[in-house]
Protein backbone atom coordinates (compact mmCIF):
# COMPACT_ATOMS: atom_id res chain seq x y z
CA MET A 1 0.48 -13.20 -18.75
CA SER A 2 0.83 -9.53 -18.26
CA ILE A 3 0.88 -8.10 -14.82
CA LEU A 4 -1.16 -5.12 -16.16
CA LEU A 5 -4.74 -4.74 -15.49
CA ASN A 6 -6.96 -5.81 -18.25
CA PRO A 7 -10.74 -5.40 -17.63
CA ASN A 8 -11.50 -8.27 -19.96
CA GLN A 9 -9.39 -10.60 -17.60
CA LEU A 10 -9.83 -9.83 -14.01
CA ASP A 11 -7.61 -12.38 -12.60
CA ARG A 12 -6.42 -10.99 -9.36
CA SER A 13 -6.96 -13.64 -6.79
CA TYR A 14 -8.73 -12.30 -3.40
CA PRO A 15 -9.48 -14.49 -0.09
CA ASP A 16 -13.19 -13.52 -0.34
CA GLU A 17 -15.96 -13.37 -2.78
CA ARG A 18 -17.10 -9.86 -1.75
CA SER A 19 -13.79 -8.34 -3.11
CA ALA A 20 -13.83 -10.03 -6.46
CA GLU A 21 -17.70 -8.82 -6.61
CA VAL A 22 -16.63 -5.31 -6.01
CA MET A 23 -14.26 -5.18 -8.79
CA GLY A 24 -16.49 -6.93 -11.30
CA LYS A 25 -19.11 -4.54 -10.80
CA LEU A 26 -17.01 -1.76 -10.93
CA VAL A 27 -15.60 -2.93 -14.41
CA GLU A 28 -19.27 -3.87 -15.65
CA PHE A 29 -20.59 -0.25 -14.59
CA PHE A 30 -17.85 1.61 -16.79
CA GLU A 31 -17.92 -0.70 -19.42
CA LYS A 32 -21.82 -0.54 -19.79
CA LYS A 33 -21.52 3.58 -19.65
CA GLY A 34 -19.12 3.26 -22.25
CA LEU A 35 -16.33 5.46 -23.39
CA ARG A 36 -18.40 8.17 -25.49
CA SER A 37 -20.54 8.68 -22.27
CA ILE A 38 -17.47 9.13 -20.10
CA LYS A 39 -15.99 11.52 -22.64
CA ASP A 40 -19.33 13.43 -23.07
CA ASP A 41 -19.39 13.85 -19.33
CA ASP A 42 -15.80 14.78 -18.67
CA HIS A 43 -16.30 17.48 -21.56
CA ALA A 44 -19.28 18.79 -20.19
CA ALA A 45 -17.87 18.88 -16.48
CA VAL A 46 -20.99 16.97 -15.34
CA TRP A 47 -20.98 15.84 -11.56
CA TYR A 48 -20.79 12.08 -11.44
CA GLU A 49 -24.05 11.69 -9.37
CA GLU A 50 -24.91 8.53 -11.49
CA PHE A 51 -21.44 7.01 -10.22
CA ILE A 52 -22.13 7.91 -6.47
CA ASP A 53 -25.53 6.47 -6.59
CA PHE A 54 -23.90 3.19 -8.11
CA LEU A 55 -21.43 3.24 -5.37
CA GLY A 56 -24.35 3.76 -2.73
CA ARG A 57 -26.62 1.14 -4.09
CA GLU A 58 -23.66 -1.46 -4.42
CA ARG A 59 -22.35 -0.52 -0.83
CA ILE A 60 -19.12 -0.23 -2.54
CA PHE A 61 -17.60 2.54 -0.38
CA ALA A 62 -18.92 0.65 2.75
CA THR A 63 -17.21 -2.23 1.80
CA MET A 64 -13.78 -0.83 0.79
CA CYS A 65 -13.52 2.29 3.38
CA THR A 66 -15.07 0.71 6.45
CA PRO A 67 -12.42 -0.83 9.22
CA SER A 68 -13.66 -4.16 10.08
CA ALA A 69 -14.43 -3.15 13.69
CA TYR A 70 -17.18 -0.86 12.63
CA GLY A 71 -18.76 -2.42 9.66
CA SER A 72 -20.15 -5.85 8.71
CA GLU A 73 -18.41 -9.03 7.78
CA ASP A 74 -17.40 -7.93 4.35
CA THR A 75 -15.76 -4.61 5.30
CA ARG A 76 -12.23 -3.94 5.94
CA TRP A 77 -9.50 -1.43 5.34
CA ASP A 78 -7.28 -3.45 3.03
CA THR A 79 -4.41 -1.63 1.10
CA TRP A 80 -3.89 -4.44 -1.05
CA ARG A 81 -7.38 -4.75 -2.44
CA ASN A 82 -7.52 -0.92 -2.05
CA SER A 83 -4.81 -0.77 -4.64
CA GLU A 84 -6.69 -2.59 -7.71
CA PHE A 85 -9.88 -0.48 -6.72
CA GLY A 86 -7.83 2.78 -7.12
CA GLU A 87 -6.28 1.10 -10.37
CA ILE A 88 -9.61 0.38 -11.95
CA LEU A 89 -11.04 3.72 -11.04
CA GLY A 90 -8.11 5.31 -12.45
CA PHE A 91 -8.21 3.07 -15.50
CA PHE A 92 -11.92 4.59 -16.40
CA GLY A 93 -11.23 8.20 -15.60
CA LEU A 94 -9.53 10.29 -12.96
CA PRO A 95 -12.85 12.04 -11.63
CA TYR A 96 -14.10 8.56 -10.30
CA TRP A 97 -10.96 7.83 -8.78
CA TYR A 98 -10.84 11.38 -7.16
CA VAL A 99 -14.35 10.81 -5.35
CA TRP A 100 -12.97 7.86 -3.73
CA GLN A 101 -9.43 9.72 -3.14
CA VAL A 102 -10.92 12.59 -1.20
CA THR A 103 -13.23 10.32 0.65
CA VAL A 104 -10.38 8.47 1.79
CA LEU A 105 -8.45 11.55 2.99
CA GLY A 106 -11.82 12.63 4.89
CA LEU A 107 -12.20 9.43 6.60
CA GLY A 108 -8.66 9.38 7.85
CA PRO A 109 -9.09 11.84 10.76
CA ILE A 110 -12.21 9.99 11.94
CA TRP A 111 -10.92 6.43 12.00
CA MET A 112 -7.82 7.84 13.69
CA SER A 113 -9.95 9.50 16.41
CA ASP A 114 -11.38 8.51 19.66
CA ASN A 115 -14.63 9.72 19.03
CA GLU A 116 -16.49 6.60 18.85
CA ALA A 117 -19.89 8.39 18.35
CA VAL A 118 -18.34 9.95 14.93
CA LYS A 119 -17.01 6.68 14.04
CA GLU A 120 -20.29 4.67 14.47
CA ARG A 121 -22.42 7.37 12.57
CA THR A 122 -19.48 7.31 9.66
CA ALA A 123 -19.92 3.56 9.27
CA ARG A 124 -23.77 4.09 9.01
CA LEU A 125 -23.28 6.96 6.69
CA LEU A 126 -20.98 4.80 4.37
CA ASP A 127 -23.39 1.98 4.53
CA GLU A 128 -26.18 4.65 2.93
CA GLY A 129 -23.89 5.58 0.24
CA ALA A 130 -22.42 8.71 1.73
CA ILE A 131 -19.25 10.54 0.67
CA PHE A 132 -16.51 12.45 2.84
CA ALA A 133 -14.10 15.32 2.34
CA PHE A 134 -11.02 16.32 3.92
CA GLY A 135 -10.96 20.25 5.06
CA LEU A 136 -7.17 21.00 5.14
CA SER A 137 -5.84 23.28 2.62
CA GLU A 138 -6.55 26.96 2.46
CA LYS A 139 -6.49 29.36 -0.24
CA GLU A 140 -3.63 31.78 1.13
CA HIS A 141 -1.48 28.88 2.84
CA GLY A 142 -2.16 25.64 0.79
CA ALA A 143 -1.33 22.79 3.17
CA ASP A 144 0.88 24.88 5.31
CA LEU A 145 -0.67 23.80 8.58
CA TYR A 146 1.43 26.16 10.58
CA SER A 147 -0.63 28.83 8.91
CA SER A 148 -4.00 27.51 9.30
CA ASP A 149 -6.74 30.51 9.68
CA MET A 150 -9.67 28.45 10.54
CA THR A 151 -10.35 28.89 14.19
CA LEU A 152 -12.81 27.43 16.67
CA THR A 153 -13.78 30.21 19.45
CA PRO A 154 -15.13 29.15 22.74
CA THR A 155 -18.47 30.83 23.44
CA GLY A 156 -18.41 30.24 27.40
CA ASP A 157 -21.14 27.70 27.37
CA GLY A 158 -18.59 24.88 26.51
CA THR A 159 -19.30 25.17 22.81
CA TYR A 160 -17.54 26.95 20.09
CA LEU A 161 -18.00 28.90 16.77
CA ALA A 162 -15.91 27.89 13.64
CA ASN A 163 -14.72 30.73 11.36
CA GLY A 164 -12.68 30.71 8.32
CA SER A 165 -12.40 28.97 4.98
CA LYS A 166 -11.05 25.95 3.00
CA TYR A 167 -9.88 25.70 -0.28
CA TYR A 168 -9.21 23.04 -2.78
CA ILE A 169 -11.70 20.66 -1.01
CA GLY A 170 -12.71 17.71 -3.17
CA ASN A 171 -16.33 16.35 -2.34
CA GLY A 172 -17.03 19.86 -0.41
CA ASN A 173 -20.26 20.16 -1.99
CA GLN A 174 -21.98 16.92 -1.07
CA ALA A 175 -19.66 15.21 1.67
CA ALA A 176 -21.84 13.85 4.85
CA ILE A 177 -18.72 14.95 6.84
CA VAL A 178 -15.85 17.24 6.17
CA SER A 179 -13.06 16.42 8.70
CA THR A 180 -11.95 20.06 9.14
CA PHE A 181 -8.54 21.20 10.36
CA ALA A 182 -8.34 24.33 12.76
CA ARG A 183 -6.92 25.89 15.63
CA PHE A 184 -8.67 27.04 19.03
CA ALA A 185 -8.75 30.76 18.84
CA ASP A 186 -7.92 31.01 22.51
CA THR A 187 -4.90 28.49 22.92
CA GLY A 188 -3.82 28.24 19.47
CA GLU A 189 -4.10 24.38 19.97
CA TYR A 190 -4.66 22.41 16.71
CA CYS A 191 -7.69 20.33 16.21
CA PHE A 192 -9.80 18.17 13.96
CA PHE A 193 -13.66 18.58 13.87
CA ALA A 194 -16.63 17.01 11.86
CA THR A 195 -18.31 19.44 9.61
CA ASP A 196 -21.55 19.06 7.98
CA SER A 197 -21.50 20.13 4.21
CA GLN A 198 -25.45 20.91 4.49
CA HIS A 199 -25.56 23.00 7.37
CA PRO A 200 -26.85 26.51 6.89
CA ASN A 201 -23.56 28.12 8.27
CA TYR A 202 -21.52 26.06 5.96
CA HIS A 203 -21.20 28.51 2.85
CA LEU A 204 -20.17 26.80 -0.63
CA VAL A 205 -18.42 29.49 -2.19
CA LYS A 206 -17.42 27.93 -5.67
CA ASN A 207 -15.99 25.11 -7.60
CA VAL A 208 -12.37 26.27 -7.97
CA THR A 209 -11.89 23.89 -11.03
CA HIS A 210 -13.68 23.46 -14.35
CA SER A 211 -14.05 19.58 -14.33
CA GLN A 212 -16.50 16.86 -12.97
CA ASN A 213 -14.99 17.10 -9.44
CA TYR A 214 -16.31 19.52 -7.10
CA VAL A 215 -13.28 20.94 -5.78
CA ALA A 216 -14.55 23.45 -3.14
CA GLU A 217 -13.99 26.54 -1.67
CA TYR A 218 -16.25 26.56 1.67
CA ARG A 219 -16.43 29.17 4.38
CA LEU A 220 -17.74 28.55 7.90
CA GLU A 221 -19.51 31.62 9.53
CA ASP A 222 -20.23 31.06 13.24
CA TYR A 223 -20.68 27.51 12.49
CA PRO A 224 -21.63 25.77 15.66
CA VAL A 225 -19.44 23.05 17.11
CA THR A 226 -19.47 21.04 20.41
CA ASP A 227 -17.08 18.72 22.09
CA ALA A 228 -18.97 15.95 20.64
CA ASP A 229 -17.74 17.04 16.83
CA ILE A 230 -14.06 17.35 17.96
CA LEU A 231 -12.20 14.29 16.46
CA ALA A 232 -8.72 15.26 17.95
CA ARG A 233 -6.92 18.30 19.25
CA GLY A 234 -3.32 19.17 20.02
CA PRO A 235 -0.48 17.16 18.82
CA GLU A 236 -2.92 14.19 17.97
CA ALA A 237 -4.63 16.57 15.43
CA TRP A 238 -1.42 17.55 13.76
CA ASP A 239 -0.25 13.95 13.78
CA ASP A 240 -3.53 12.84 12.36
CA ALA A 241 -2.98 15.34 9.27
CA LEU A 242 -0.06 14.04 8.45
CA ASN A 243 -0.83 10.48 8.88
CA THR A 244 -3.87 10.92 6.73
CA VAL A 245 -1.68 12.20 3.85
CA ASN A 246 0.57 9.10 4.42
CA ILE A 247 -2.30 6.83 3.93
CA GLY A 248 -3.84 8.80 0.98
CA LYS A 249 -0.91 9.81 -1.18
CA TYR A 250 -0.07 6.10 -1.66
CA ASN A 251 -3.30 6.00 -3.61
CA LEU A 252 -2.06 8.62 -6.43
CA GLY A 253 0.32 5.93 -7.55
CA TRP A 254 -2.42 3.68 -8.68
CA ALA A 255 -4.51 6.50 -10.29
CA SER A 256 -1.30 6.72 -12.65
CA ILE A 257 -1.13 3.26 -13.42
CA GLY A 258 -4.45 2.96 -14.17
CA ILE A 259 -4.64 6.05 -16.54
CA ALA A 260 -1.31 5.18 -18.09
CA THR A 261 -2.28 1.54 -18.76
CA HIS A 262 -5.62 2.44 -20.47
CA ALA A 263 -3.77 4.91 -22.61
CA PHE A 264 -1.08 2.27 -23.53
CA TYR A 265 -3.65 -0.22 -24.76
CA GLU A 266 -5.39 2.49 -26.69
CA ALA A 267 -2.25 3.81 -27.99
CA ILE A 268 -0.70 0.65 -29.20
CA HIS A 269 -4.00 -0.75 -30.62
CA HIS A 270 -4.11 2.48 -32.85
CA ALA A 271 -0.40 2.15 -33.93
CA ALA A 272 -0.61 -1.58 -34.69
CA HIS A 273 -3.40 -0.84 -37.13
CA ARG A 274 -2.04 2.07 -38.89
CA HIS A 275 -0.07 2.05 -41.96
CA LEU A 276 2.41 4.99 -43.06
CA TYR A 277 4.93 4.97 -45.73
CA GLY A 278 4.25 1.29 -46.46
CA MET A 279 4.91 0.07 -43.22
CA THR A 280 2.83 -0.55 -39.94
CA VAL A 281 3.44 2.11 -37.29
CA THR A 282 4.67 -0.51 -35.00
CA ASP A 283 7.47 -1.56 -37.50
CA PHE A 284 9.39 1.63 -37.19
CA PRO A 285 12.55 0.98 -34.83
CA HIS A 286 11.87 4.20 -32.62
CA VAL A 287 8.30 3.51 -32.28
CA LYS A 288 9.31 0.01 -31.00
CA ARG A 289 11.64 1.65 -28.53
CA LEU A 290 9.07 3.92 -27.22
CA PHE A 291 6.43 1.33 -26.70
CA THR A 292 8.90 -0.80 -25.13
CA ASP A 293 10.04 1.70 -22.82
CA ALA A 294 6.68 2.45 -21.91
CA TYR A 295 5.84 -1.04 -21.11
CA ALA A 296 8.79 -1.46 -18.97
CA ARG A 297 7.99 1.58 -17.01
CA LEU A 298 4.42 0.30 -16.65
CA VAL A 299 5.42 -3.01 -15.24
CA ALA A 300 8.09 -1.33 -12.68
CA MET A 301 5.23 1.25 -11.54
CA LYS A 302 2.94 -1.73 -10.70
CA LEU A 303 5.68 -3.96 -8.93
CA VAL A 304 6.52 -1.06 -6.91
CA ALA A 305 3.28 -0.07 -5.73
CA LEU A 306 2.14 -3.39 -4.92
CA ARG A 307 5.50 -3.85 -2.75
CA ALA A 308 5.05 -0.71 -0.85
CA ALA A 309 1.42 -2.11 0.11
CA ASP A 310 3.05 -5.30 1.63
CA TYR A 311 5.19 -3.08 3.84
CA MET A 312 2.38 -0.68 4.72
CA ARG A 313 0.26 -3.72 5.64
CA SER A 314 3.15 -5.16 7.67
CA ALA A 315 3.97 -1.70 9.67
CA SER A 316 4.17 -1.58 13.18
CA PRO A 317 5.75 1.07 15.89
CA ASP A 318 8.95 -0.86 15.29
CA ASP A 319 8.77 -1.09 11.58
CA ARG A 320 8.02 2.14 9.78
CA ARG A 321 9.92 1.47 6.58
CA TYR A 322 6.66 2.29 4.54
CA LEU A 323 7.31 5.79 5.38
CA LEU A 324 9.94 5.93 2.67
CA TYR A 325 8.32 3.57 0.38
CA ASN A 326 5.06 5.41 0.43
CA PRO A 327 6.57 8.68 -0.74
CA VAL A 328 8.42 6.73 -3.29
CA VAL A 329 5.15 5.53 -4.76
CA LYS A 330 3.63 9.16 -4.80
CA MET A 331 6.50 10.64 -6.49
CA LYS A 332 8.33 8.18 -8.67
CA VAL A 333 5.09 6.21 -9.83
CA THR A 334 3.32 9.25 -10.62
CA THR A 335 6.21 10.87 -12.59
CA GLN A 336 6.79 7.54 -14.17
CA GLY A 337 3.21 7.54 -15.46
CA GLU A 338 4.08 10.96 -17.10
CA ASP A 339 6.96 9.33 -18.87
CA VAL A 340 4.66 6.23 -20.13
CA ILE A 341 2.12 9.00 -21.88
CA ASN A 342 4.86 11.25 -23.17
CA HIS A 343 6.44 7.96 -24.92
CA VAL A 344 3.31 6.82 -26.49
CA TRP A 345 2.09 10.23 -27.38
CA ASP A 346 5.40 10.68 -29.53
CA VAL A 347 3.86 7.64 -31.43
CA ILE A 348 0.05 8.61 -31.98
CA ALA A 349 0.94 12.28 -32.05
CA ALA A 350 -2.22 14.40 -33.07
CA LYS A 351 -4.48 11.36 -32.48
CA GLY A 352 -3.75 12.16 -28.76
CA PHE A 353 -5.90 15.33 -28.97
CA GLU A 354 -9.00 13.74 -30.67
CA GLU A 355 -11.78 14.23 -28.41
CA ASP A 356 -13.31 10.71 -28.62
CA THR A 357 -10.22 9.08 -27.34
CA PHE A 358 -9.37 8.23 -23.66
CA PHE A 359 -5.84 9.62 -24.36
CA GLU A 360 -7.01 13.03 -24.85
CA MET A 361 -8.23 12.87 -21.26
CA ALA A 362 -5.36 10.93 -19.81
CA ALA A 363 -2.70 13.16 -21.11
CA ARG A 364 -4.31 16.12 -19.34
CA ASP A 365 -5.15 14.09 -16.07
CA ILE A 366 -1.80 12.42 -15.70
CA ARG A 367 -0.09 15.76 -15.08
CA ALA A 368 -2.35 16.17 -11.99
CA LEU A 369 -1.06 13.14 -9.82
CA PRO A 370 2.59 14.19 -9.33
CA LYS A 371 1.11 17.74 -7.90
CA LEU A 372 -1.39 16.41 -5.36
CA GLU A 373 -0.83 15.42 -1.86
CA GLY A 374 2.52 17.29 -1.78
CA THR A 375 4.44 17.98 -4.84
CA VAL A 376 7.49 15.96 -6.39
CA HIS A 377 9.57 18.41 -4.52
CA VAL A 378 7.90 18.18 -1.19
CA ASN A 379 8.23 14.12 -1.16
CA ILE A 380 11.67 14.11 -2.41
CA ALA A 381 12.69 16.64 0.50
CA LEU A 382 11.12 14.03 2.64
CA ILE A 383 12.66 10.82 1.09
CA VAL A 384 16.12 12.27 1.47
CA LYS A 385 15.75 12.19 5.26
CA PHE A 386 15.82 8.26 5.19
CA MET A 387 19.17 8.11 2.76
CA GLU A 388 21.84 8.01 5.58
CA ASN A 389 20.26 5.01 7.41
CA TYR A 390 19.23 3.44 4.06
CA PHE A 391 22.77 3.40 2.73
CA PHE A 392 24.88 3.27 5.83
CA HIS A 393 23.00 1.78 8.80
CA PRO A 394 21.18 -1.27 7.46
CA ALA A 395 19.24 -3.14 10.13
CA ASP A 396 18.37 -6.89 10.84
CA LEU A 397 14.42 -6.40 10.14
CA PRO A 398 12.21 -9.16 9.29
CA PRO A 399 11.52 -9.96 5.73
CA VAL A 400 8.29 -9.26 4.53
CA GLY A 401 6.18 -11.34 2.12
CA ARG A 402 3.34 -10.80 -0.27
CA ARG A 403 0.47 -9.42 1.87
CA ASP A 404 -2.65 -10.24 -0.05
CA ASP A 405 -4.41 -11.74 3.14
CA ASP A 406 -7.92 -10.40 4.20
CA ALA A 407 -6.80 -8.72 7.43
CA ASN A 408 -7.70 -5.17 8.44
CA ASP A 409 -4.85 -2.64 8.47
CA ASP A 410 -5.50 -1.55 11.96
CA PHE A 411 -1.89 0.14 12.12
CA LEU A 412 -2.62 2.63 9.33
CA PHE A 413 -5.02 4.34 11.56
CA ASP A 414 -2.77 4.10 14.86
CA GLN A 415 0.46 5.23 13.19
CA GLY A 416 1.27 7.51 16.46
CA PRO A 417 3.73 10.50 16.31
CA THR A 418 5.00 11.63 13.09
CA ARG A 419 8.33 12.51 14.52
CA GLY A 420 11.64 10.73 14.42
CA LEU A 421 11.91 9.93 10.55
CA ARG A 422 15.55 10.13 10.67
CA LYS A 423 15.59 7.25 13.08
CA ILE A 424 13.83 4.81 11.08
CA LEU A 425 15.72 1.82 9.80
CA PHE A 426 15.91 -0.41 6.82
CA HIS A 427 16.90 -3.82 5.74
CA ASP A 428 20.23 -3.91 3.55
CA TYR A 429 19.18 -3.40 0.10
CA LYS A 430 22.40 -5.16 -1.57
CA PRO A 431 21.27 -8.67 -1.32
CA THR A 432 18.18 -7.84 -3.24
CA PHE A 433 20.49 -6.97 -6.10
CA GLU A 434 22.85 -9.56 -5.68
CA ARG A 435 20.27 -12.30 -6.24
CA PHE A 436 19.60 -10.69 -9.59
CA ALA A 437 23.60 -10.08 -10.47
CA GLY A 438 23.26 -12.55 -13.22
CA ILE A 439 21.10 -10.24 -15.23
CA GLY A 440 23.19 -7.65 -17.17
CA ASN A 441 21.33 -4.39 -16.48
CA VAL A 442 20.71 -5.08 -12.76
CA ALA A 443 24.44 -5.64 -12.40
CA VAL A 444 25.19 -2.21 -14.08
CA PHE A 445 22.44 -0.36 -12.13
CA ALA A 446 23.68 -1.96 -8.57
CA GLU A 447 27.17 -0.44 -9.80
CA GLN A 448 25.63 2.94 -10.23
CA ALA A 449 24.09 2.85 -6.97
CA GLU A 450 27.46 1.94 -5.14
CA MET A 451 28.95 4.81 -6.87
CA LEU A 452 26.22 7.04 -5.31
CA LYS A 453 26.77 5.55 -1.97
CA ARG A 454 30.64 6.13 -2.18
CA MET A 455 30.19 9.75 -3.37
CA LEU A 456 27.88 10.17 -0.05
CA ALA A 457 30.70 8.47 1.95
CA ALA A 458 33.72 10.24 0.68
CA SER A 459 32.18 13.66 -0.19
CA PRO A 460 28.97 13.98 1.95
CA PRO A 461 26.72 16.91 1.55
CA THR A 462 27.90 20.03 2.81
CA GLU A 463 25.95 22.36 5.24
CA GLN A 464 25.33 24.84 2.31
CA GLN A 465 24.34 21.94 -0.05
CA THR A 466 21.76 20.63 2.53
CA SER A 467 20.21 23.97 2.58
CA ASP A 468 20.22 24.26 -1.07
CA THR A 469 17.10 22.52 -2.33
CA ASP A 470 17.65 22.68 -5.89
CA TRP A 471 20.93 20.79 -5.10
CA LEU A 472 19.22 18.37 -2.70
CA LEU A 473 16.47 17.43 -5.06
CA ALA A 474 18.94 16.27 -7.64
CA VAL A 475 20.48 13.81 -5.20
CA GLY A 476 17.06 12.80 -4.31
CA GLU A 477 16.28 11.72 -7.74
CA LEU A 478 19.26 9.30 -7.61
CA PHE A 479 18.36 8.00 -4.29
CA THR A 480 14.82 7.61 -5.05
CA LEU A 481 15.54 5.52 -8.06
CA VAL A 482 17.82 3.10 -5.96
CA VAL A 483 14.83 2.24 -3.54
CA TYR A 484 12.39 2.30 -6.39
CA ALA A 485 14.64 -0.35 -8.25
CA GLN A 486 14.92 -2.41 -5.09
CA LEU A 487 11.12 -2.55 -4.59
CA ALA A 488 10.74 -3.68 -8.13
CA LEU A 489 13.25 -6.47 -7.85
CA GLU A 490 11.60 -7.64 -4.62
CA ASN A 491 8.29 -7.78 -6.31
CA ALA A 492 9.91 -9.22 -9.72
CA GLU A 493 10.80 -12.20 -7.46
CA ILE A 494 7.45 -12.48 -5.61
CA TYR A 495 5.41 -12.29 -8.86
CA GLY A 496 7.85 -14.39 -10.93
CA ILE A 497 8.49 -11.91 -13.50
CA GLU A 498 10.78 -13.12 -16.57
CA GLU A 499 14.52 -12.11 -16.60
CA ASP A 500 14.06 -10.71 -20.09
CA LEU A 501 11.60 -8.27 -18.94
CA ILE A 502 13.62 -7.44 -15.71
CA ASP A 503 16.64 -6.82 -18.00
CA GLU A 504 14.52 -4.33 -19.86
CA ILE A 505 13.26 -2.53 -16.78
CA PHE A 506 16.72 -1.92 -15.64
CA ASP A 507 17.97 -0.93 -19.38
CA VAL A 508 15.36 1.86 -18.57
CA ASN A 509 16.66 2.43 -15.02
CA VAL A 510 20.32 2.54 -16.20
CA ARG A 511 19.59 5.38 -18.53
CA ASP A 512 17.45 7.18 -16.15
CA PHE A 513 20.04 6.91 -13.32
CA SER A 514 22.78 8.30 -15.87
CA ARG A 515 20.43 11.45 -16.78
CA PHE A 516 19.98 12.25 -13.03
CA ALA A 517 23.87 12.00 -12.52
CA VAL A 518 24.43 14.54 -15.40
CA GLU A 519 21.72 16.72 -13.71
CA LEU A 520 23.74 16.34 -10.41
CA PHE A 521 27.04 17.10 -12.15
CA ASP A 522 25.55 20.36 -13.75
CA LYS A 523 24.37 22.13 -10.36
CA ALA A 524 26.44 25.12 -9.52
CA GLY A 525 26.67 23.62 -5.94
CA THR A 526 28.13 20.32 -6.67
CA THR A 527 31.80 20.07 -5.88
CA ALA A 528 34.50 18.78 -8.22
CA GLU A 529 35.08 15.67 -6.29
CA GLN A 530 31.24 15.04 -6.29
CA GLY A 531 31.35 15.55 -9.96
CA GLU A 532 33.86 12.93 -10.50
CA PHE A 533 31.55 10.51 -8.89
CA CYS A 534 28.96 11.76 -11.05
CA MET A 535 30.92 10.91 -14.30
CA LYS A 536 31.40 7.45 -13.11
CA MET A 537 27.76 6.95 -12.30
CA ILE A 538 26.98 7.48 -16.19
CA ARG A 539 26.81 4.00 -17.69
CA LYS A 540 25.52 2.51 -20.86
CA PRO A 541 22.95 0.00 -20.58
CA VAL A 542 23.87 -3.87 -21.63
CA ASP A 543 22.64 -4.14 -25.24
CA ASP A 544 21.19 -7.38 -26.06
CA ALA A 545 19.22 -7.45 -29.43
CA ALA A 546 17.62 -10.94 -28.95
CA ARG A 547 16.25 -10.09 -25.47
CA TYR A 548 14.93 -6.68 -26.81
CA ARG A 549 13.12 -8.68 -29.77
CA ARG A 550 11.85 -11.16 -27.17
CA VAL A 551 10.43 -8.45 -24.83
CA TRP A 552 8.98 -6.62 -27.93
CA GLU A 553 7.14 -9.65 -29.43
CA ASP A 554 6.28 -11.53 -26.11
CA HIS A 555 5.37 -8.70 -23.79
CA VAL A 556 4.81 -5.33 -25.69
CA TYR A 557 3.49 -6.12 -29.17
CA ALA A 558 1.24 -8.84 -27.52
CA GLN A 559 -0.84 -6.13 -26.15
CA ARG A 560 -1.82 -4.50 -29.43
CA ASP A 561 -5.59 -5.97 -29.07
CA ALA A 562 -5.70 -6.97 -25.53
CA TYR A 563 -8.41 -4.38 -24.69
CA GLN A 564 -10.54 -1.70 -26.44
CA MET A 565 -13.25 -0.11 -24.33
CA PRO A 566 -16.69 -0.14 -25.60
CA GLN A 567 -18.06 2.93 -27.23
C-alpha cells in the first residue's frame, strides 16, 4: 500500500477516536464542497468564512490547537497528528492550510507565555471557533526583529499606548487575538502583547495579496495596552518569536506534501488515459521517468517530515536535534515539492494551466512554501551551523522511535533560550546508512556523503568562504541532502518501505548530490583542492532495469486511478 495520503482510504491509525473523526470530517467537508466550488472560490478570492464556520461548529481548532492542560479531554498539541491535519488541508488547497498555519503561529507566544489569564481566554476562544494571528513582520523590515518599529509607550499610570504597523499578517482581519511583537519605547526591551483585531484603535489597512487569504497590513494608533495584555518581555519575548517559528515552519513541509500529492494523482490519471501518436502517454519512457522521480520524491518527503515529528515530540533541553531537522523539513521538503510539480507538469504541459484543474492552483501555490517562515537561504544558513557536530562529533544519544502516541507536546512551548545552536549534538548518521548498505544506490550515496565529510576535514571552509553566503549555501545543499537522506532511511525502516522503492529514492538522491557537487565546483570561491573533492562526489546511480520496472508498475502506475476529486 502507498504511504501517500488518499482521501478515499484514510487508514492512518490513531490512539483515540476524536483524531480519526477530525480527519474524516475534514475530508468530508472538502469532498462535499467539490473541486469546482474550491476553484471558483480561489479565482474569486473569496474569504473562506464557510470553512471557518465549519471548523468552529466541529470544534476542530479547539481539538488540534489547545494543549491538554487548557482544554477538554480530546484536546492536545500533538505534532504527529497535526502532520496529517496539515497534509489534508494542503491536499485540498493552500488557503485552507494557511488559516490554520497563521493560527498556529499566533498561538505560539500565547502558549509559551506565563500569562495564565490570556491562556484561559484563548482556550475559550478556540472552543468558540476563533482564529488567531502572529504580528511579527513589518513592511520595511520583514522579519528582522532587531529593527521592529512597533512601540509601547508608558502613559505614567501603569498602562501603555501601542503605535506602529505590521505587514503580511495572515488572519489579521478577524483574529480574536493577534500576538504582536514590539519594543518598549523607553527601554528598547522586546515584548509580545495580545491585540484585539476588532478594537477601534486597530486599523486594518489592506489585504496585501489578491487571494482567499487575508494577509493584512494593520496599524495601531494609541492602542491601549495593560500589563494583563503582556505575554512576554525581554529575552523571553525574543525567544518566543524564534521558538514559535520553530514550531510553525515545520508545517510548511506538510502543505507541500499535500499539494504535490493531489497534483500527482490528477496528473497521472490524466496521462494514463490520454493517447498520443498511437500510444498512451504513460508508455513514453521519459514520462515514466518523470512520474517515477516525482513519486520517489513524494515518498521521501513524507518519510522525512514524519521522522522529524518523532524528534520534535521527543525533544528536551538535553536533546534538541529537532532544531536541525525542522529547517530541513522547511527548506528541503518544500523545494522537493516544487520538483514534484515541475516533473509532472512537464508531462501534462498545457493541461496544467486549465482553470478547472487542481493543478492550476497547485502550480502557483507550491512556490509559496519555500518562501514563507524564512527563505530557503535563511534556513540553509541555519542548517550549516550544525554541520561540524553532525559530521565530526557524534554523541551517544537515545534512539527515537515512532511517536504516534497521544501525548501532549509540552516541550514545544517550553523550548527555552534559542542560543547555543553550535553546541547541539547528534547521533552518528553512519550506522543508518550501513544498515542499508546492501541497497546499491544507498551505498553510492553513502560514499558521496563520505567524500563531503573528507572535503570538510581536509580543506575546511576558510574565513573568507564562511562569510561568502553564496558559497556557504552551496555547501549547505550538500549537507542538507545527507541529513534528509538519513531521516528518510530511518523512517523507511520504521514504515517497512520496500527495498526497490528505497533504491529508487536514492537513485534520485545520488543524481541530486552530483548536481549540487557541480554547483559547488563552479563557485568562484571554491579552492582547487575542494574542487577535486567535488569531482569525486559526482557519481552515477546504480542502474537496475528490473527494479525500475517493478517500481513503475507496483508503485507509480498503480496510482493512475487512485483518487479523483468530486466535481
